[in-house]
Amino acid sequence: MRSLLDVTDLSTDELEELCNTALDVAEHPERYSDKCRGKKLATLFFEPSTRTRLSFEAAMLELGGSVISMPGVSASSAAKGESVHDTARVVSCYADVIAIRHPKEGAAFVAAHSATVPVINAGDGGHCHPTQTLADLLTIKREKGSFENLTIGICGDLKYGRTVHSLINAMSRYKGTKFILISPEELRIPDYVRKNVLDELHIPYEEVSDLEKAMPLLDVLYMTRIQRERFTDMDEFERLKDSYILTIEKLSSAKSDLAILHPLPRVNEISVKVDDDPRACYFKQALNGKLMRMALILKLLGSRDFCEEPKVTIPGPTCKNHACITGVEQELDCLYTEREENGRRVRRCLYCEAEAL
């Protein structure tokens, strides 16, 4: 049985396969309208969602399957204290595949190891969001023609932005990728992304704070919102929330074939006047997300021979990351992996990848 917890669970060949399937779905939807007849998708969303939840549900319905949904945390057994472990095991009795979104990092990992059906991570806290990255990749492929030799600017909340972390993981595997990471000092990418991905793979990157200076260099601009729900200090949020606002004027120095992406929802970080610019791709991105989720559901329901690469785990104390699932899930073993990073041995939480302090 196969699950998707992180975009790197998929090889580059598999990403290409998913893109090709998605493009074929777009061209010939009638070929796929009955592929999942008799199959059920369960959507377990412990956080608010519009695009991700509806695109999963639309994807399954357009494949001829059906959908069962948790009606929100307050109306579910989670409000009574039921664990993610138990919820996933129970829902496995009712569905053929599960999509889960949860505010705690590592929750999808727990669900996948409890469930008896494939589990798709639809976002776990500020950790990662692999299916949004599938939407991003298809958009980049359709707009740029290739994943190689691209300079990608990522702007906004790089610390808590799970879509950012997943996109960096995915694009770091392609030849000629360079990142320009644009954020305030307080919202720079986490150490585990910088060290485990960019530094370890020797990916060229710059960390800057000025969007306009970076603009002429970019092939892709990935805008993100500053996420109120990830902040524990509201004063810090208020100070940072309007750090970057993309306007038509700021695009004057951009390349004519720049692709502007945004995972949405947008607050005010992209002016609505940019929507009519031919370089704006974020609404196309939403459609591409549905197509890629259709391709992914088909792949997972047809793949029963996948085993995750075993990891050597080390027991340890409770993770110090306040957003980690180990802080709330009862009787969950606190486990760590150990690896070499920049010449030193580092232990990281198996669930959220935070470094053990």
Protein backbone atom coordinates (compact mmCIF):
# COMPACT_ATOMS: atom_id res chain seq x y z
CA MET A 1 0.00 0.00 0.00
CA ARG A 2 1.34 3.41 -0.91
CA SER A 3 0.77 6.82 0.71
CA LEU A 4 1.95 10.32 -0.20
CA LEU A 5 3.34 12.20 2.78
CA ASP A 6 6.01 14.31 1.10
CA VAL A 7 6.58 15.18 -2.54
CA THR A 8 9.95 13.37 -2.42
CA ASP A 9 8.02 10.11 -1.95
CA LEU A 10 7.62 10.41 -5.73
CA SER A 11 10.58 9.99 -8.06
CA THR A 12 11.15 12.46 -10.89
CA ASP A 13 9.98 9.77 -13.32
CA GLU A 14 6.76 9.41 -11.34
CA LEU A 15 6.25 13.17 -11.30
CA GLU A 16 6.58 13.15 -15.08
CA GLU A 17 4.10 10.27 -15.26
CA LEU A 18 1.58 12.18 -13.11
CA CYS A 19 1.97 15.29 -15.25
CA ASN A 20 1.36 13.27 -18.41
CA THR A 21 -1.71 11.60 -16.90
CA ALA A 22 -3.07 14.98 -15.78
CA LEU A 23 -2.59 16.44 -19.24
CA ASP A 24 -4.38 13.47 -20.77
CA VAL A 25 -7.25 13.91 -18.29
CA ALA A 26 -7.54 17.55 -19.40
CA GLU A 27 -7.54 16.53 -23.07
CA HIS A 28 -9.76 13.43 -22.79
CA PRO A 29 -11.90 13.62 -19.61
CA GLU A 30 -14.32 11.03 -20.96
CA ARG A 31 -11.63 8.34 -20.75
CA TYR A 32 -11.45 8.77 -16.97
CA SER A 33 -15.06 9.36 -15.96
CA ASP A 34 -15.55 5.78 -14.74
CA LYS A 35 -12.07 4.85 -13.49
CA CYS A 36 -12.95 5.00 -9.78
CA ARG A 37 -16.49 3.69 -9.85
CA GLY A 38 -17.21 1.94 -6.56
CA LYS A 39 -14.30 3.67 -4.78
CA LYS A 40 -14.61 6.19 -1.94
CA LEU A 41 -12.38 9.08 -0.89
CA ALA A 42 -12.55 10.29 2.73
CA THR A 43 -11.52 13.91 3.37
CA LEU A 44 -10.39 14.50 6.95
CA PHE A 45 -9.79 18.23 7.25
CA PHE A 46 -8.93 19.44 10.75
CA GLU A 47 -8.17 22.91 9.34
CA PRO A 48 -10.22 25.22 7.08
CA SER A 49 -9.78 24.69 3.35
CA THR A 50 -11.48 25.69 0.12
CA ARG A 51 -9.29 24.79 -2.87
CA THR A 52 -7.58 21.69 -1.51
CA ARG A 53 -10.70 20.06 -0.11
CA LEU A 54 -12.97 20.91 -3.05
CA SER A 55 -10.35 19.92 -5.62
CA PHE A 56 -9.90 16.52 -3.95
CA GLU A 57 -13.64 16.00 -3.89
CA ALA A 58 -14.10 17.20 -7.48
CA ALA A 59 -11.21 14.97 -8.57
CA MET A 60 -12.80 11.84 -7.10
CA LEU A 61 -16.28 12.68 -8.41
CA GLU A 62 -14.94 13.30 -11.93
CA LEU A 63 -13.27 9.89 -11.78
CA GLY A 64 -16.66 8.30 -11.08
CA GLY A 65 -16.03 7.67 -7.38
CA SER A 66 -17.74 9.06 -4.30
CA VAL A 67 -16.69 11.15 -1.30
CA ILE A 68 -17.31 10.98 2.44
CA SER A 69 -16.22 13.93 4.58
CA MET A 70 -15.63 14.79 8.19
CA PRO A 71 -17.94 17.74 8.92
CA GLY A 72 -15.31 19.76 10.78
CA VAL A 73 -13.44 19.23 14.03
CA SER A 74 -16.24 20.48 16.29
CA ALA A 75 -18.69 17.94 14.87
CA SER A 76 -16.28 15.00 14.82
CA SER A 77 -14.87 12.63 17.43
CA ALA A 78 -11.71 14.76 17.46
CA ALA A 79 -13.70 17.15 19.67
CA LYS A 80 -14.04 14.27 22.14
CA GLY A 81 -10.30 13.72 22.15
CA GLU A 82 -9.98 10.94 19.58
CA SER A 83 -6.43 10.61 18.29
CA VAL A 84 -5.33 10.90 14.66
CA HIS A 85 -4.13 7.29 14.97
CA ASP A 86 -7.61 6.02 15.87
CA THR A 87 -9.45 8.30 13.44
CA ALA A 88 -7.38 7.08 10.49
CA ARG A 89 -7.76 3.43 11.47
CA VAL A 90 -11.54 3.76 11.78
CA VAL A 91 -12.00 5.73 8.55
CA SER A 92 -10.00 3.04 6.73
CA CYS A 93 -13.04 0.82 7.29
CA TYR A 94 -15.22 3.19 5.26
CA ALA A 95 -13.02 4.48 2.42
CA ASP A 96 -10.46 3.36 -0.16
CA VAL A 97 -8.21 6.41 0.15
CA ILE A 98 -7.89 9.21 2.73
CA ALA A 99 -6.84 12.84 2.29
CA ILE A 100 -5.94 14.49 5.61
CA ARG A 101 -5.15 18.08 6.58
CA HIS A 102 -4.10 18.80 10.15
CA PRO A 103 -2.54 21.74 12.03
CA LYS A 104 0.07 19.53 13.70
CA GLU A 105 3.28 18.66 11.84
CA GLY A 106 3.63 14.93 11.31
CA ALA A 107 -0.09 14.17 11.60
CA ALA A 108 -0.22 12.69 8.09
CA PHE A 109 2.71 10.44 8.98
CA VAL A 110 0.78 9.13 11.99
CA ALA A 111 -2.36 8.62 9.88
CA ALA A 112 -0.48 6.71 7.19
CA HIS A 113 1.05 4.34 9.71
CA SER A 114 -2.32 3.65 11.30
CA ALA A 115 -4.57 3.47 8.22
CA THR A 116 -5.06 0.35 6.13
CA VAL A 117 -5.67 2.36 2.94
CA PRO A 118 -3.49 4.96 1.14
CA VAL A 119 -3.21 8.34 2.89
CA ILE A 120 -2.54 11.64 1.14
CA ASN A 121 -1.03 14.52 3.09
CA ALA A 122 -3.18 17.56 2.28
CA GLY A 123 -1.06 19.77 4.54
CA ASP A 124 0.39 19.17 8.01
CA GLY A 125 0.91 22.41 9.90
CA GLY A 126 3.84 24.40 8.57
CA HIS A 127 5.65 21.23 7.46
CA CYS A 128 4.72 20.33 3.88
CA HIS A 129 1.89 20.19 1.34
CA PRO A 130 2.82 17.73 -1.43
CA THR A 131 -0.36 17.88 -3.51
CA GLN A 132 -0.14 21.67 -3.77
CA THR A 133 3.35 21.08 -5.13
CA LEU A 134 1.89 18.73 -7.75
CA ALA A 135 -0.33 21.63 -8.85
CA ASP A 136 2.70 23.93 -8.88
CA LEU A 137 4.75 21.49 -10.95
CA LEU A 138 2.09 20.99 -13.59
CA THR A 139 1.69 24.77 -13.85
CA ILE A 140 5.44 25.25 -14.26
CA LYS A 141 5.57 22.51 -16.88
CA ARG A 142 2.68 23.97 -18.86
CA GLU A 143 3.98 27.53 -18.68
CA LYS A 144 7.75 26.99 -19.01
CA GLY A 145 7.89 23.69 -20.91
CA SER A 146 10.51 22.18 -18.60
CA PHE A 147 11.56 21.89 -14.96
CA GLU A 148 15.23 22.51 -15.77
CA ASN A 149 17.37 25.67 -15.75
CA LEU A 150 14.88 27.88 -13.95
CA THR A 151 15.47 30.68 -11.46
CA ILE A 152 12.62 30.53 -8.98
CA GLY A 153 11.81 33.40 -6.65
CA ILE A 154 9.80 32.46 -3.56
CA CYS A 155 8.41 35.44 -1.70
CA GLY A 156 6.67 35.93 1.64
CA ASP A 157 6.30 33.43 4.47
CA LEU A 158 9.12 30.95 3.94
CA LYS A 159 9.27 29.84 7.58
CA TYR A 160 5.73 28.53 8.03
CA GLY A 161 4.83 28.13 4.35
CA ARG A 162 4.42 24.38 3.88
CA THR A 163 3.87 24.88 0.13
CA VAL A 164 7.27 26.58 -0.02
CA HIS A 165 9.03 23.69 1.70
CA SER A 166 7.45 21.15 -0.63
CA LEU A 167 8.25 23.15 -3.77
CA ILE A 168 11.92 23.52 -2.76
CA ASN A 169 12.11 19.77 -2.14
CA ALA A 170 10.63 19.02 -5.56
CA MET A 171 12.50 21.52 -7.73
CA SER A 172 15.86 20.85 -6.09
CA ARG A 173 16.00 17.57 -8.01
CA TYR A 174 16.12 19.27 -11.41
CA LYS A 175 19.22 20.39 -13.27
CA GLY A 176 19.98 24.11 -13.27
CA THR A 177 17.49 25.12 -10.57
CA LYS A 178 18.36 28.28 -8.61
CA PHE A 179 16.29 29.80 -5.81
CA ILE A 180 16.01 33.41 -4.74
CA LEU A 181 14.34 33.34 -1.32
CA ILE A 182 12.64 36.66 -0.59
CA SER A 183 11.41 37.26 2.94
CA PRO A 184 11.84 39.29 6.11
CA GLU A 185 14.61 38.00 8.39
CA GLU A 186 11.97 36.58 10.77
CA LEU A 187 10.34 34.44 8.06
CA ARG A 188 13.32 32.79 6.38
CA ILE A 189 13.22 29.09 5.55
CA PRO A 190 13.66 26.60 8.42
CA ASP A 191 17.07 25.07 9.05
CA TYR A 192 15.92 21.58 8.08
CA VAL A 193 15.05 22.81 4.56
CA ARG A 194 18.22 24.85 4.21
CA LYS A 195 20.56 22.14 5.50
CA ASN A 196 18.82 18.93 4.39
CA VAL A 197 17.90 20.12 0.91
CA LEU A 198 19.66 23.23 -0.39
CA ASP A 199 23.03 22.77 1.29
CA GLU A 200 23.16 18.98 1.04
CA LEU A 201 22.27 18.98 -2.67
CA HIS A 202 24.47 22.03 -3.40
CA ILE A 203 21.55 23.98 -4.87
CA PRO A 204 22.47 27.63 -5.53
CA TYR A 205 20.28 30.05 -3.58
CA GLU A 206 20.21 33.59 -2.23
CA GLU A 207 18.28 34.88 0.77
CA VAL A 208 17.22 38.49 0.18
CA SER A 209 14.59 40.91 1.41
CA ASP A 210 14.06 43.08 -1.70
CA LEU A 211 11.52 41.71 -4.21
CA GLU A 212 12.01 44.44 -6.80
CA LYS A 213 15.77 43.91 -7.06
CA ALA A 214 15.25 40.19 -7.61
CA MET A 215 12.44 40.59 -10.15
CA PRO A 216 14.49 40.85 -13.42
CA LEU A 217 16.25 37.55 -12.65
CA LEU A 218 13.18 35.37 -12.20
CA ASP A 219 11.60 32.77 -14.49
CA VAL A 220 9.00 31.86 -11.86
CA LEU A 221 7.72 34.01 -8.99
CA TYR A 222 5.97 32.09 -6.22
CA MET A 223 4.08 34.51 -3.97
CA THR A 224 2.75 33.43 -0.57
CA ARG A 225 0.63 35.07 2.10
CA ILE A 226 1.82 35.78 5.63
CA GLN A 227 -0.19 33.18 7.55
CA ARG A 228 -1.91 34.52 10.65
CA GLU A 229 -2.82 31.00 11.81
CA ARG A 230 0.85 29.95 12.15
CA PHE A 231 1.89 32.80 14.45
CA THR A 232 1.93 32.53 18.23
CA ASP A 233 2.82 36.24 18.55
CA MET A 234 0.10 38.43 16.99
CA ASP A 235 2.23 41.57 17.34
CA GLU A 236 4.83 39.95 15.10
CA PHE A 237 2.12 39.01 12.59
CA GLU A 238 0.78 42.58 12.45
CA ARG A 239 4.30 43.90 11.87
CA LEU A 240 5.04 41.47 9.03
CA LYS A 241 1.68 40.90 7.31
CA ASP A 242 2.12 43.51 4.54
CA SER A 243 5.82 42.88 3.89
CA TYR A 244 5.28 42.21 0.16
CA ILE A 245 2.53 43.34 -2.18
CA LEU A 246 2.93 42.54 -5.88
CA THR A 247 1.63 45.28 -8.17
CA ILE A 248 1.67 45.96 -11.90
CA GLU A 249 4.31 48.62 -11.29
CA LYS A 250 6.64 46.12 -9.61
CA LEU A 251 6.34 43.84 -12.64
CA SER A 252 7.75 46.48 -15.00
CA SER A 253 11.25 45.01 -14.78
CA ALA A 254 10.12 41.35 -14.93
CA LYS A 255 10.69 39.01 -17.87
CA SER A 256 7.91 38.92 -20.46
CA ASP A 257 7.46 35.18 -19.90
CA LEU A 258 7.59 35.24 -16.10
CA ALA A 259 5.13 32.79 -14.51
CA ILE A 260 3.47 34.17 -11.35
CA LEU A 261 2.20 31.47 -9.01
CA HIS A 262 0.41 31.59 -5.67
CA PRO A 263 -1.01 28.62 -3.71
CA LEU A 264 -3.99 30.76 -2.61
CA PRO A 265 -5.89 32.00 -0.70
CA ARG A 266 -4.70 35.49 -1.53
CA VAL A 267 -5.16 38.23 1.03
CA ASN A 268 -3.52 41.40 -0.31
CA GLU A 269 -0.06 40.19 -1.38
CA ILE A 270 -1.04 40.34 -5.08
CA SER A 271 -3.03 43.29 -6.38
CA VAL A 272 -6.21 42.22 -8.22
CA LYS A 273 -4.97 44.34 -11.13
CA VAL A 274 -2.26 41.73 -11.71
CA ASP A 275 -4.97 39.13 -12.47
CA ASP A 276 -5.33 40.42 -16.04
CA ASP A 277 -1.59 40.24 -16.72
CA PRO A 278 -0.84 37.25 -19.02
CA ARG A 279 1.93 36.23 -16.63
CA ALA A 280 -0.55 35.58 -13.78
CA CYS A 281 -0.97 31.80 -13.48
CA TYR A 282 -2.52 31.29 -10.04
CA PHE A 283 -6.05 30.55 -11.22
CA LYS A 284 -4.70 28.11 -13.82
CA GLN A 285 -2.77 26.62 -10.90
CA ALA A 286 -6.05 25.84 -9.09
CA LEU A 287 -7.34 23.90 -12.13
CA ASN A 288 -4.01 22.11 -12.46
CA GLY A 289 -4.35 21.04 -8.83
CA LYS A 290 -7.57 19.17 -9.56
CA LEU A 291 -6.01 17.46 -12.57
CA MET A 292 -2.95 16.35 -10.61
CA ARG A 293 -5.06 15.08 -7.71
CA MET A 294 -7.03 13.00 -10.21
CA ALA A 295 -3.78 11.54 -11.52
CA LEU A 296 -2.54 10.90 -7.97
CA ILE A 297 -5.73 9.13 -6.85
CA LEU A 298 -5.52 6.86 -9.90
CA LYS A 299 -1.89 6.08 -9.11
CA LEU A 300 -2.40 5.33 -5.42
CA LEU A 301 -5.47 3.17 -5.96
CA GLY A 302 -3.58 1.18 -8.58
CA SER A 303 -0.33 0.82 -6.60
CA ARG A 304 -0.20 -1.81 -3.88
CA ASP A 305 3.47 -2.79 -3.98
CA PHE A 306 5.15 0.24 -2.47
CA CYS A 307 7.09 0.10 0.77
CA GLU A 308 8.66 3.17 2.32
CA GLU A 309 12.44 3.17 2.63
CA PRO A 310 13.17 2.03 6.18
CA LYS A 311 14.65 4.66 8.49
CA VAL A 312 16.84 3.93 11.49
CA THR A 313 15.02 5.56 14.38
CA ILE A 314 16.24 6.49 17.85
CA PRO A 315 13.88 6.94 20.84
CA GLY A 316 14.10 10.31 22.55
CA PRO A 317 12.32 12.93 24.64
CA THR A 318 9.22 14.80 23.48
CA CYS A 319 9.94 17.02 20.48
CA LYS A 320 10.46 20.69 21.42
CA ASN A 321 8.58 21.92 18.34
CA HIS A 322 5.28 23.22 19.74
CA ALA A 323 3.56 22.40 16.43
CA CYS A 324 4.65 18.73 16.37
CA ILE A 325 2.00 16.01 16.53
CA THR A 326 3.96 14.28 19.32
CA GLY A 327 2.86 17.04 21.69
CA VAL A 328 -0.83 16.09 21.47
CA GLU A 329 -1.08 12.48 20.32
CA GLN A 330 -1.31 10.18 23.33
CA GLU A 331 1.19 7.33 23.65
CA LEU A 332 2.94 8.27 20.40
CA ASP A 333 6.57 7.17 20.47
CA CYS A 334 8.97 10.11 20.19
CA LEU A 335 11.43 8.96 17.54
CA TYR A 336 14.39 10.65 15.87
CA THR A 337 16.56 10.02 12.84
CA GLU A 338 20.26 10.83 12.87
CA ARG A 339 22.27 12.04 9.93
CA GLU A 340 25.37 13.95 8.90
CA GLU A 341 24.71 17.64 8.16
CA ASN A 342 27.52 20.01 7.25
CA GLY A 343 30.10 17.90 9.04
CA ARG A 344 28.16 17.23 12.24
CA ARG A 345 25.73 14.57 13.46
CA VAL A 346 22.22 15.93 13.83
CA ARG A 347 19.12 14.30 15.27
CA ARG A 348 15.76 15.32 13.82
CA CYS A 349 12.23 14.43 14.83
CA LEU A 350 10.86 11.67 12.61
CA TYR A 351 7.48 13.43 12.43
CA CYS A 352 8.21 17.14 11.91
CA GLU A 353 11.96 17.19 11.06
CA ALA A 354 12.77 19.72 13.80
CA GLU A 355 16.29 19.39 15.18
CA ALA A 356 16.55 17.85 18.65
CA LEU A 357 17.82 20.50 21.06
